PDB file of N, CA and C in Angstrom:
ATOM      1  N   MET A   1     -25.632  36.589  31.346  1.00  0.00           N
ATOM      2  CA  MET A   1     -26.488  36.071  30.318  1.00  0.00           C
ATOM      3  C   MET A   1     -26.252  34.572  30.199  1.00  0.00           C
ATOM      4  N   SER A   2     -27.295  33.825  30.148  1.00  0.00           N
ATOM      5  CA  SER A   2     -27.158  32.388  29.955  1.00  0.00           C
ATOM      6  C   SER A   2     -27.388  32.067  28.482  1.00  0.00           C
ATOM      7  N   GLU A   3     -26.657  31.068  28.039  1.00  0.00           N
ATOM      8  CA  GLU A   3     -26.770  30.677  26.641  1.00  0.00           C
ATOM      9  C   GLU A   3     -27.913  29.696  26.467  1.00  0.00           C
ATOM     10  N   ALA A   4     -28.544  29.781  25.315  1.00  0.00           N
ATOM     11  CA  ALA A   4     -29.632  28.859  25.002  1.00  0.00           C
ATOM     12  C   ALA A   4     -29.038  27.494  24.670  1.00  0.00           C
ATOM     13  N   PRO A   5     -29.751  26.418  24.959  1.00  0.00           N
ATOM     14  CA  PRO A   5     -29.235  25.094  24.606  1.00  0.00           C
ATOM     15  C   PRO A   5     -29.042  24.967  23.093  1.00  0.00           C
ATOM     16  N   VAL A   6     -27.999  24.260  22.726  1.00  0.00           N
ATOM     17  CA  VAL A   6     -27.667  24.083  21.318  1.00  0.00           C
ATOM     18  C   VAL A   6     -28.215  22.737  20.857  1.00  0.00           C
ATOM     19  N   SER A   7     -28.897  22.755  19.730  1.00  0.00           N
ATOM     20  CA  SER A   7     -29.432  21.509  19.195  1.00  0.00           C
ATOM     21  C   SER A   7     -28.301  20.677  18.595  1.00  0.00           C
ATOM     22  N   PRO A   8     -28.449  19.355  18.519  1.00  0.00           N
ATOM     23  CA  PRO A   8     -27.400  18.516  17.922  1.00  0.00           C
ATOM     24  C   PRO A   8     -27.094  18.880  16.475  1.00  0.00           C
ATOM     25  N   GLU A   9     -28.109  19.292  15.730  1.00  0.00           N
ATOM     26  CA  GLU A   9     -27.888  19.664  14.340  1.00  0.00           C
ATOM     27  C   GLU A   9     -27.012  20.913  14.236  1.00  0.00           C
ATOM     28  N   THR A  10     -27.276  21.884  15.095  1.00  0.00           N
ATOM     29  CA  THR A  10     -26.490  23.115  15.097  1.00  0.00           C
ATOM     30  C   THR A  10     -25.058  22.827  15.530  1.00  0.00           C
ATOM     31  N   ALA A  11     -24.899  21.971  16.518  1.00  0.00           N
ATOM     32  CA  ALA A  11     -23.564  21.621  16.994  1.00  0.00           C
ATOM     33  C   ALA A  11     -22.775  20.892  15.913  1.00  0.00           C
ATOM     34  N   ALA A  12     -23.430  20.009  15.175  1.00  0.00           N
ATOM     35  CA  ALA A  12     -22.754  19.271  14.110  1.00  0.00           C
ATOM     36  C   ALA A  12     -22.309  20.213  12.997  1.00  0.00           C
ATOM     37  N   ARG A  13     -23.148  21.189  12.674  1.00  0.00           N
ATOM     38  CA  ARG A  13     -22.771  22.148  11.630  1.00  0.00           C
ATOM     39  C   ARG A  13     -21.663  23.069  12.093  1.00  0.00           C
ATOM     40  N   ALA A  14     -21.597  23.355  13.380  1.00  0.00           N
ATOM     41  CA  ALA A  14     -20.584  24.252  13.916  1.00  0.00           C
ATOM     42  C   ALA A  14     -19.248  23.544  14.133  1.00  0.00           C
ATOM     43  N   GLY A  15     -19.199  22.225  13.970  1.00  0.00           N
ATOM     44  CA  GLY A  15     -17.956  21.488  14.142  1.00  0.00           C
ATOM     45  C   GLY A  15     -17.698  21.073  15.575  1.00  0.00           C
ATOM     46  N   VAL A  16     -18.695  21.120  16.416  1.00  0.00           N
ATOM     47  CA  VAL A  16     -18.540  20.717  17.803  1.00  0.00           C
ATOM     48  C   VAL A  16     -18.676  19.202  17.869  1.00  0.00           C
ATOM     49  N   PRO A  17     -17.630  18.498  18.335  1.00  0.00           N
ATOM     50  CA  PRO A  17     -17.719  17.034  18.387  1.00  0.00           C
ATOM     51  C   PRO A  17     -18.655  16.572  19.505  1.00  0.00           C
ATOM     52  N   ASP A  18     -19.398  15.523  19.238  1.00  0.00           N
ATOM     53  CA  ASP A  18     -20.261  14.977  20.276  1.00  0.00           C
ATOM     54  C   ASP A  18     -19.471  13.940  21.079  1.00  0.00           C
ATOM     55  N   GLU A  19     -20.115  13.351  22.074  1.00  0.00           N
ATOM     56  CA  GLU A  19     -19.434  12.409  22.962  1.00  0.00           C
ATOM     57  C   GLU A  19     -18.978  11.156  22.223  1.00  0.00           C
ATOM     58  N   ALA A  20     -19.758  10.687  21.265  1.00  0.00           N
ATOM     59  CA  ALA A  20     -19.374   9.484  20.513  1.00  0.00           C
ATOM     60  C   ALA A  20     -18.111   9.740  19.694  1.00  0.00           C
ATOM     61  N   THR A  21     -17.999  10.913  19.113  1.00  0.00           N
ATOM     62  CA  THR A  21     -16.813  11.264  18.330  1.00  0.00           C
ATOM     63  C   THR A  21     -15.594  11.378  19.229  1.00  0.00           C
ATOM     64  N   LYS A  22     -15.765  11.993  20.398  1.00  0.00           N
ATOM     65  CA  LYS A  22     -14.655  12.105  21.345  1.00  0.00           C
ATOM     66  C   LYS A  22     -14.185  10.731  21.799  1.00  0.00           C
ATOM     67  N   ALA A  23     -15.128   9.841  22.076  1.00  0.00           N
ATOM     68  CA  ALA A  23     -14.783   8.488  22.516  1.00  0.00           C
ATOM     69  C   ALA A  23     -14.054   7.738  21.407  1.00  0.00           C
ATOM     70  N   ARG A  24     -14.478   7.949  20.171  1.00  0.00           N
ATOM     71  CA  ARG A  24     -13.815   7.283  19.033  1.00  0.00           C
ATOM     72  C   ARG A  24     -12.374   7.758  18.893  1.00  0.00           C
ATOM     73  N   TYR A  25     -12.139   9.061  19.006  1.00  0.00           N
ATOM     74  CA  TYR A  25     -10.786   9.591  18.898  1.00  0.00           C
ATOM     75  C   TYR A  25      -9.908   9.130  20.055  1.00  0.00           C
ATOM     76  N   GLN A  26     -10.462   9.036  21.245  1.00  0.00           N
ATOM     77  CA  GLN A  26      -9.702   8.531  22.385  1.00  0.00           C
ATOM     78  C   GLN A  26      -9.318   7.068  22.179  1.00  0.00           C
ATOM     79  N   ARG A  27     -10.236   6.280  21.640  1.00  0.00           N
ATOM     80  CA  ARG A  27      -9.964   4.877  21.369  1.00  0.00           C
ATOM     81  C   ARG A  27      -8.866   4.748  20.307  1.00  0.00           C
ATOM     82  N   LEU A  28      -8.937   5.550  19.250  1.00  0.00           N
ATOM     83  CA  LEU A  28      -7.905   5.531  18.210  1.00  0.00           C
ATOM     84  C   LEU A  28      -6.548   5.970  18.768  1.00  0.00           C
ATOM     85  N   PHE A  29      -6.560   6.944  19.653  1.00  0.00           N
ATOM     86  CA  PHE A  29      -5.323   7.431  20.253  1.00  0.00           C
ATOM     87  C   PHE A  29      -4.667   6.343  21.097  1.00  0.00           C
ATOM     88  N   ARG A  30      -5.466   5.661  21.920  1.00  0.00           N
ATOM     89  CA  ARG A  30      -4.927   4.567  22.742  1.00  0.00           C
ATOM     90  C   ARG A  30      -4.393   3.436  21.867  1.00  0.00           C
ATOM     91  N   ARG A  31      -5.133   3.082  20.828  1.00  0.00           N
ATOM     92  CA  ARG A  31      -4.693   2.021  19.919  1.00  0.00           C
ATOM     93  C   ARG A  31      -3.412   2.443  19.205  1.00  0.00           C
ATOM     94  N   GLY A  32      -3.313   3.704  18.822  1.00  0.00           N
ATOM     95  CA  GLY A  32      -2.104   4.202  18.177  1.00  0.00           C
ATOM     96  C   GLY A  32      -0.892   4.114  19.087  1.00  0.00           C
ATOM     97  N   LEU A  33      -1.078   4.439  20.359  1.00  0.00           N
ATOM     98  CA  LEU A  33       0.026   4.325  21.309  1.00  0.00           C
ATOM     99  C   LEU A  33       0.456   2.873  21.482  1.00  0.00           C
ATOM    100  N   GLN A  34      -0.492   1.960  21.474  1.00  0.00           N
ATOM    101  CA  GLN A  34      -0.152   0.535  21.591  1.00  0.00           C
ATOM    102  C   GLN A  34       0.641   0.066  20.374  1.00  0.00           C
ATOM    103  N   TRP A  35       0.232   0.475  19.184  1.00  0.00           N
ATOM    104  CA  TRP A  35       0.963   0.105  17.969  1.00  0.00           C
ATOM    105  C   TRP A  35       2.365   0.713  17.982  1.00  0.00           C
ATOM    106  N   LEU A  36       2.473   1.964  18.431  1.00  0.00           N
ATOM    107  CA  LEU A  36       3.791   2.591  18.516  1.00  0.00           C
ATOM    108  C   LEU A  36       4.682   1.838  19.492  1.00  0.00           C
ATOM    109  N   GLY A  37       4.129   1.458  20.626  1.00  0.00           N
ATOM    110  CA  GLY A  37       4.902   0.689  21.606  1.00  0.00           C
ATOM    111  C   GLY A  37       5.378  -0.630  21.045  1.00  0.00           C
ATOM    112  N   ALA A  38       4.504  -1.321  20.326  1.00  0.00           N
ATOM    113  CA  ALA A  38       4.886  -2.600  19.716  1.00  0.00           C
ATOM    114  C   ALA A  38       5.980  -2.388  18.675  1.00  0.00           C
ATOM    115  N   GLY A  39       5.864  -1.345  17.877  1.00  0.00           N
ATOM    116  CA  GLY A  39       6.874  -1.063  16.856  1.00  0.00           C
ATOM    117  C   GLY A  39       8.221  -0.723  17.466  1.00  0.00           C
ATOM    118  N   ILE A  40       8.208   0.084  18.509  1.00  0.00           N
ATOM    119  CA  ILE A  40       9.457   0.437  19.180  1.00  0.00           C
ATOM    120  C   ILE A  40      10.094  -0.804  19.798  1.00  0.00           C
ATOM    121  N   PHE A  41       9.266  -1.658  20.410  1.00  0.00           N
ATOM    122  CA  PHE A  41       9.767  -2.889  21.007  1.00  0.00           C
ATOM    123  C   PHE A  41      10.416  -3.785  19.951  1.00  0.00           C
ATOM    124  N   LEU A  42       9.738  -3.978  18.820  1.00  0.00           N
ATOM    125  CA  LEU A  42      10.283  -4.839  17.764  1.00  0.00           C
ATOM    126  C   LEU A  42      11.564  -4.264  17.171  1.00  0.00           C
ATOM    127  N   MET A  43      11.612  -2.965  16.988  1.00  0.00           N
ATOM    128  CA  MET A  43      12.823  -2.348  16.446  1.00  0.00           C
ATOM    129  C   MET A  43      13.981  -2.487  17.433  1.00  0.00           C
ATOM    130  N   ALA A  44      13.709  -2.334  18.720  1.00  0.00           N
ATOM    131  CA  ALA A  44      14.759  -2.486  19.728  1.00  0.00           C
ATOM    132  C   ALA A  44      15.249  -3.928  19.785  1.00  0.00           C
ATOM    133  N   ILE A  45      14.327  -4.889  19.743  1.00  0.00           N
ATOM    134  CA  ILE A  45      14.717  -6.298  19.748  1.00  0.00           C
ATOM    135  C   ILE A  45      15.558  -6.611  18.510  1.00  0.00           C
ATOM    136  N   SER A  46      15.157  -6.093  17.376  1.00  0.00           N
ATOM    137  CA  SER A  46      15.914  -6.308  16.145  1.00  0.00           C
ATOM    138  C   SER A  46      17.329  -5.741  16.276  1.00  0.00           C
ATOM    139  N   LEU A  47      17.450  -4.565  16.838  1.00  0.00           N
ATOM    140  CA  LEU A  47      18.763  -3.948  17.013  1.00  0.00           C
ATOM    141  C   LEU A  47      19.633  -4.790  17.940  1.00  0.00           C
ATOM    142  N   ILE A  48      19.062  -5.237  19.050  1.00  0.00           N
ATOM    143  CA  ILE A  48      19.826  -6.038  20.007  1.00  0.00           C
ATOM    144  C   ILE A  48      20.280  -7.352  19.373  1.00  0.00           C
ATOM    145  N   ILE A  49      19.384  -8.021  18.676  1.00  0.00           N
ATOM    146  CA  ILE A  49      19.746  -9.283  18.024  1.00  0.00           C
ATOM    147  C   ILE A  49      20.824  -9.051  16.973  1.00  0.00           C
ATOM    148  N   ASN A  50      20.694  -8.005  16.196  1.00  0.00           N
ATOM    149  CA  ASN A  50      21.699  -7.713  15.164  1.00  0.00           C
ATOM    150  C   ASN A  50      23.061  -7.411  15.771  1.00  0.00           C
ATOM    151  N   LEU A  51      23.078  -6.669  16.879  1.00  0.00           N
ATOM    152  CA  LEU A  51      24.354  -6.371  17.522  1.00  0.00           C
ATOM    153  C   LEU A  51      24.975  -7.623  18.121  1.00  0.00           C
ATOM    154  N   GLN A  52      24.153  -8.509  18.663  1.00  0.00           N
ATOM    155  CA  GLN A  52      24.673  -9.747  19.244  1.00  0.00           C
ATOM    156  C   GLN A  52      25.187 -10.704  18.172  1.00  0.00           C
ATOM    157  N   MET A  53      24.534 -10.768  17.044  1.00  0.00           N
ATOM    158  CA  MET A  53      24.883 -11.733  15.990  1.00  0.00           C
ATOM    159  C   MET A  53      25.867 -11.178  14.978  1.00  0.00           C
ATOM    160  N   GLN A  54      26.277  -9.932  15.162  1.00  0.00           N
ATOM    161  CA  GLN A  54      27.148  -9.279  14.190  1.00  0.00           C
ATOM    162  C   GLN A  54      28.444 -10.058  13.978  1.00  0.00           C
ATOM    163  N   HIS A  55      29.052 -10.550  15.036  1.00  0.00           N
ATOM    164  CA  HIS A  55      30.322 -11.243  14.927  1.00  0.00           C
ATOM    165  C   HIS A  55      30.186 -12.752  15.134  1.00  0.00           C
ATOM    166  N   ALA A  56      28.961 -13.237  15.240  1.00  0.00           N
ATOM    167  CA  ALA A  56      28.757 -14.657  15.504  1.00  0.00           C
ATOM    168  C   ALA A  56      28.951 -15.508  14.262  1.00  0.00           C
ATOM    169  N   GLY A  57      28.754 -14.962  13.113  1.00  0.00           N
ATOM    170  CA  GLY A  57      29.001 -15.716  11.904  1.00  0.00           C
ATOM    171  C   GLY A  57      27.766 -16.151  11.133  1.00  0.00           C
ATOM    172  N   PRO A  58      26.722 -16.657  11.780  1.00  0.00           N
ATOM    173  CA  PRO A  58      25.582 -17.124  10.980  1.00  0.00           C
ATOM    174  C   PRO A  58      24.869 -15.964  10.295  1.00  0.00           C
ATOM    175  N   ALA A  59      24.154 -16.303   9.257  1.00  0.00           N
ATOM    176  CA  ALA A  59      23.411 -15.280   8.516  1.00  0.00           C
ATOM    177  C   ALA A  59      22.238 -14.798   9.376  1.00  0.00           C
ATOM    178  N   PHE A  60      22.150 -13.531   9.544  1.00  0.00           N
ATOM    179  CA  PHE A  60      21.081 -12.964  10.354  1.00  0.00           C
ATOM    180  C   PHE A  60      20.222 -11.996   9.555  1.00  0.00           C
ATOM    181  N   SER A  61      20.205 -12.176   8.248  1.00  0.00           N
ATOM    182  CA  SER A  61      19.451 -11.254   7.402  1.00  0.00           C
ATOM    183  C   SER A  61      17.947 -11.367   7.628  1.00  0.00           C
ATOM    184  N   VAL A  62      17.445 -12.564   7.988  1.00  0.00           N
ATOM    185  CA  VAL A  62      16.010 -12.713   8.263  1.00  0.00           C
ATOM    186  C   VAL A  62      15.620 -11.821   9.434  1.00  0.00           C
ATOM    187  N   THR A  63      16.416 -11.876  10.489  1.00  0.00           N
ATOM    188  CA  THR A  63      16.141 -11.020  11.643  1.00  0.00           C
ATOM    189  C   THR A  63      16.278  -9.555  11.271  1.00  0.00           C
ATOM    190  N   MET A  64      17.339  -9.271  10.552  1.00  0.00           N
ATOM    191  CA  MET A  64      17.619  -7.878  10.217  1.00  0.00           C
ATOM    192  C   MET A  64      16.494  -7.261   9.386  1.00  0.00           C
ATOM    193  N   TYR A  65      15.987  -7.984   8.428  1.00  0.00           N
ATOM    194  CA  TYR A  65      14.983  -7.406   7.542  1.00  0.00           C
ATOM    195  C   TYR A  65      13.551  -7.691   7.983  1.00  0.00           C
ATOM    196  N   ALA A  66      13.258  -8.883   8.415  1.00  0.00           N
ATOM    197  CA  ALA A  66      11.874  -9.241   8.752  1.00  0.00           C
ATOM    198  C   ALA A  66      11.384  -8.520  10.005  1.00  0.00           C
ATOM    199  N   VAL A  67      12.132  -8.624  11.078  1.00  0.00           N
ATOM    200  CA  VAL A  67      11.685  -8.012  12.331  1.00  0.00           C
ATOM    201  C   VAL A  67      11.690  -6.491  12.213  1.00  0.00           C
ATOM    202  N   THR A  68      12.677  -5.953  11.538  1.00  0.00           N
ATOM    203  CA  THR A  68      12.734  -4.506  11.347  1.00  0.00           C
ATOM    204  C   THR A  68      11.565  -4.024  10.487  1.00  0.00           C
ATOM    205  N   THR A  69      11.223  -4.773   9.455  1.00  0.00           N
ATOM    206  CA  THR A  69      10.097  -4.396   8.598  1.00  0.00           C
ATOM    207  C   THR A  69       8.778  -4.446   9.359  1.00  0.00           C
ATOM    208  N   VAL A  70       8.584  -5.477  10.155  1.00  0.00           N
ATOM    209  CA  VAL A  70       7.361  -5.568  10.963  1.00  0.00           C
ATOM    210  C   VAL A  70       7.315  -4.434  11.973  1.00  0.00           C
ATOM    211  N   GLY A  71       8.441  -4.122  12.594  1.00  0.00           N
ATOM    212  CA  GLY A  71       8.502  -3.012  13.550  1.00  0.00           C
ATOM    213  C   GLY A  71       8.192  -1.673  12.889  1.00  0.00           C
ATOM    214  N   ALA A  72       8.741  -1.460  11.701  1.00  0.00           N
ATOM    215  CA  ALA A  72       8.462  -0.216  10.977  1.00  0.00           C
ATOM    216  C   ALA A  72       6.992  -0.140  10.581  1.00  0.00           C
ATOM    217  N   GLY A  73       6.420  -1.270  10.193  1.00  0.00           N
ATOM    218  CA  GLY A  73       4.990  -1.293   9.870  1.00  0.00           C
ATOM    219  C   GLY A  73       4.125  -0.944  11.075  1.00  0.00           C
ATOM    220  N   CYS A  74       4.507  -1.457  12.235  1.00  0.00           N
ATOM    221  CA  CYS A  74       3.774  -1.127  13.467  1.00  0.00           C
ATOM    222  C   CYS A  74       3.882   0.364  13.783  1.00  0.00           C
ATOM    223  N   LEU A  75       5.068   0.921  13.576  1.00  0.00           N
ATOM    224  CA  LEU A  75       5.243   2.358  13.820  1.00  0.00           C
ATOM    225  C   LEU A  75       4.351   3.186  12.895  1.00  0.00           C
ATOM    226  N   ILE A  76       4.314   2.815  11.632  1.00  0.00           N
ATOM    227  CA  ILE A  76       3.490   3.555  10.673  1.00  0.00           C
ATOM    228  C   ILE A  76       2.015   3.435  11.024  1.00  0.00           C
ATOM    229  N   LYS A  77       1.570   2.224  11.379  1.00  0.00           N
ATOM    230  CA  LYS A  77       0.169   2.021  11.770  1.00  0.00           C
ATOM    231  C   LYS A  77      -0.168   2.864  12.999  1.00  0.00           C
ATOM    232  N   GLY A  78       0.741   2.914  13.956  1.00  0.00           N
ATOM    233  CA  GLY A  78       0.521   3.727  15.150  1.00  0.00           C
ATOM    234  C   GLY A  78       0.425   5.211  14.831  1.00  0.00           C
ATOM    235  N   LEU A  79       1.269   5.685  13.940  1.00  0.00           N
ATOM    236  CA  LEU A  79       1.214   7.100  13.562  1.00  0.00           C
ATOM    237  C   LEU A  79      -0.058   7.423  12.796  1.00  0.00           C
ATOM    238  N   VAL A  80      -0.508   6.500  11.957  1.00  0.00           N
ATOM    239  CA  VAL A  80      -1.759   6.709  11.233  1.00  0.00           C
ATOM    240  C   VAL A  80      -2.929   6.815  12.216  1.00  0.00           C
ATOM    241  N   ASP A  81      -2.939   5.954  13.235  1.00  0.00           N
ATOM    242  CA  ASP A  81      -4.005   6.020  14.228  1.00  0.00           C
ATOM    243  C   ASP A  81      -3.939   7.295  15.041  1.00  0.00           C
ATOM    244  N   LEU A  82      -2.719   7.750  15.356  1.00  0.00           N
ATOM    245  CA  LEU A  82      -2.582   8.958  16.166  1.00  0.00           C
ATOM    246  C   LEU A  82      -2.989  10.218  15.401  1.00  0.00           C
ATOM    247  N   PHE A  83      -2.532  10.321  14.170  1.00  0.00           N
ATOM    248  CA  PHE A  83      -2.756  11.548  13.417  1.00  0.00           C
ATOM    249  C   PHE A  83      -3.931  11.475  12.463  1.00  0.00           C
ATOM    250  N   GLY A  84      -4.558  10.321  12.386  1.00  0.00           N
ATOM    251  CA  GLY A  84      -5.772  10.159  11.605  1.00  0.00           C
ATOM    252  C   GLY A  84      -5.550  10.225  10.154  1.00  0.00           C
TER     253      GLY A  84
END
């Protein structure tokens, strides 16, 4: 038995995503991965700088808090894009 073609209105009511919706979710997913990568990179750089400056003496609180906060913000933005 062959199925009859489904109209766009019927597909929308049934919850079947169209191509534009799929493309939008793929774009959001890629953007989310990029934000996650940036956040992980910033958090790793912050950790490395903090470990290097731990015994050096100068105040490193700007690095410790600013870069870590920006990295955490990037992680949150990436998760929001991934999970919608």
